[in-house]
Amino acid sequence: MGKEAMERTVVRCAEGHLFSTATFPLQNLGPERIGPGRLIRCPLCARLRSSVPADLGTLTDDQIRLALRREAVEFLA
């Protein structure tokens, strides 16, 4: 993967869609936050979905490339 892959995180929404986001902060986890998911508007279904970082080891290069082209516009929580 090139520099682009290092600057973006490939995520999977609760519906199973793969896309990418510019940021996925995990350092702000406090006792009130449960699990690694974040609310992100999925660019495929246009709904707010709980999304988690995708396991890149289970994805093909084509799936990763396509996900990097599908960019989430907003990061909410």
C-alpha atoms as a PDB file:
ATOM      1  CA  MET A   1       0.000   0.000   0.000  1.00  0.00           C
ATOM      2  CA  GLY A   2       1.114   3.535  -0.629  1.00  0.00           C
ATOM      3  CA  LYS A   3       1.138   6.595   1.562  1.00  0.00           C
ATOM      4  CA  GLU A   4      -2.638   7.027   1.020  1.00  0.00           C
ATOM      5  CA  ALA A   5      -3.349   3.819   2.946  1.00  0.00           C
ATOM      6  CA  MET A   6      -1.290   5.024   5.891  1.00  0.00           C
ATOM      7  CA  GLU A   7      -3.222   8.288   6.154  1.00  0.00           C
ATOM      8  CA  ARG A   8      -6.665   6.679   6.083  1.00  0.00           C
ATOM      9  CA  THR A   9      -8.265   3.889   8.094  1.00  0.00           C
ATOM     10  CA  VAL A  10     -10.353   1.256   6.332  1.00  0.00           C
ATOM     11  CA  VAL A  11     -13.487   0.630   8.397  1.00  0.00           C
ATOM     12  CA  ARG A  12     -16.533  -1.630   8.237  1.00  0.00           C
ATOM     13  CA  CYS A  13     -19.953  -0.304   9.212  1.00  0.00           C
ATOM     14  CA  ALA A  14     -22.594  -2.328  11.050  1.00  0.00           C
ATOM     15  CA  GLU A  15     -24.172  -3.165   7.665  1.00  0.00           C
ATOM     16  CA  GLY A  16     -20.876  -4.651   6.449  1.00  0.00           C
ATOM     17  CA  HIS A  17     -19.925  -1.862   4.020  1.00  0.00           C
ATOM     18  CA  LEU A  18     -16.223  -1.101   3.644  1.00  0.00           C
ATOM     19  CA  PHE A  19     -15.012   2.494   3.341  1.00  0.00           C
ATOM     20  CA  SER A  20     -12.311   4.735   4.753  1.00  0.00           C
ATOM     21  CA  THR A  21     -12.029   7.633   7.145  1.00  0.00           C
ATOM     22  CA  ALA A  22      -9.263  10.167   7.666  1.00  0.00           C
ATOM     23  CA  THR A  23      -9.228   9.665  11.405  1.00  0.00           C
ATOM     24  CA  PHE A  24     -10.226   6.968  13.824  1.00  0.00           C
ATOM     25  CA  PRO A  25      -9.093   8.098  17.297  1.00  0.00           C
ATOM     26  CA  LEU A  26      -8.909   5.339  19.867  1.00  0.00           C
ATOM     27  CA  GLN A  27      -6.979   7.294  22.478  1.00  0.00           C
ATOM     28  CA  ASN A  28     -10.105   9.065  23.793  1.00  0.00           C
ATOM     29  CA  LEU A  29     -11.627   5.950  25.293  1.00  0.00           C
ATOM     30  CA  GLY A  30     -13.015   6.526  28.734  1.00  0.00           C
ATOM     31  CA  PRO A  31     -15.178   4.441  31.054  1.00  0.00           C
ATOM     32  CA  GLU A  32     -18.336   5.805  29.392  1.00  0.00           C
ATOM     33  CA  ARG A  33     -17.292   4.478  25.957  1.00  0.00           C
ATOM     34  CA  ILE A  34     -17.782   0.779  25.350  1.00  0.00           C
ATOM     35  CA  GLY A  35     -16.035  -0.953  22.477  1.00  0.00           C
ATOM     36  CA  PRO A  36     -13.960   0.291  19.557  1.00  0.00           C
ATOM     37  CA  GLY A  37     -16.860   1.465  17.344  1.00  0.00           C
ATOM     38  CA  ARG A  38     -17.463   5.044  16.256  1.00  0.00           C
ATOM     39  CA  LEU A  39     -20.503   6.671  14.653  1.00  0.00           C
ATOM     40  CA  ILE A  40     -19.635   7.509  11.061  1.00  0.00           C
ATOM     41  CA  ARG A  41     -21.935   8.318   8.155  1.00  0.00           C
ATOM     42  CA  CYS A  42     -21.506   5.411   5.743  1.00  0.00           C
ATOM     43  CA  PRO A  43     -20.916   6.714   2.204  1.00  0.00           C
ATOM     44  CA  LEU A  44     -22.744   3.691   0.749  1.00  0.00           C
ATOM     45  CA  CYS A  45     -26.022   3.731   2.662  1.00  0.00           C
ATOM     46  CA  ALA A  46     -25.783   7.392   3.841  1.00  0.00           C
ATOM     47  CA  ARG A  47     -26.821   6.450   7.388  1.00  0.00           C
ATOM     48  CA  LEU A  48     -25.038   6.898  10.677  1.00  0.00           C
ATOM     49  CA  ARG A  49     -23.545   3.538  11.527  1.00  0.00           C
ATOM     50  CA  SER A  50     -21.339   2.165  14.218  1.00  0.00           C
ATOM     51  CA  SER A  51     -18.075   1.424  12.413  1.00  0.00           C
ATOM     52  CA  VAL A  52     -14.913  -0.386  13.440  1.00  0.00           C
ATOM     53  CA  PRO A  53     -11.483  -0.694  11.828  1.00  0.00           C
ATOM     54  CA  ALA A  54     -11.539  -3.511   9.273  1.00  0.00           C
ATOM     55  CA  ASP A  55      -9.150  -6.444   9.619  1.00  0.00           C
ATOM     56  CA  LEU A  56      -6.980  -5.786   6.560  1.00  0.00           C
ATOM     57  CA  GLY A  57      -5.606  -9.331   6.740  1.00  0.00           C
ATOM     58  CA  THR A  58      -9.007 -10.707   5.727  1.00  0.00           C
ATOM     59  CA  LEU A  59      -9.500  -8.333   2.768  1.00  0.00           C
ATOM     60  CA  THR A  60      -8.219  -8.606  -0.786  1.00  0.00           C
ATOM     61  CA  ASP A  61      -6.089  -5.840  -2.286  1.00  0.00           C
ATOM     62  CA  ASP A  62      -9.059  -4.911  -4.497  1.00  0.00           C
ATOM     63  CA  GLN A  63     -11.381  -4.585  -1.480  1.00  0.00           C
ATOM     64  CA  ILE A  64      -8.850  -2.342   0.266  1.00  0.00           C
ATOM     65  CA  ARG A  65      -8.334  -0.156  -2.818  1.00  0.00           C
ATOM     66  CA  LEU A  66     -12.094   0.241  -3.280  1.00  0.00           C
ATOM     67  CA  ALA A  67     -12.616   1.062   0.409  1.00  0.00           C
ATOM     68  CA  LEU A  68      -9.897   3.731   0.232  1.00  0.00           C
ATOM     69  CA  ARG A  69     -11.815   5.364  -2.636  1.00  0.00           C
ATOM     70  CA  ARG A  70     -15.041   5.411  -0.588  1.00  0.00           C
ATOM     71  CA  GLU A  71     -14.440   8.164   1.909  1.00  0.00           C
ATOM     72  CA  ALA A  72     -16.589   9.002   4.914  1.00  0.00           C
ATOM     73  CA  VAL A  73     -17.380  12.698   4.968  1.00  0.00           C
ATOM     74  CA  GLU A  74     -17.959  13.190   8.672  1.00  0.00           C
ATOM     75  CA  PHE A  75     -16.766  11.694  11.909  1.00  0.00           C
ATOM     76  CA  LEU A  76     -19.252  12.076  14.774  1.00  0.00           C
ATOM     77  CA  ALA A  77     -18.314  10.192  17.920  1.00  0.00           C
END
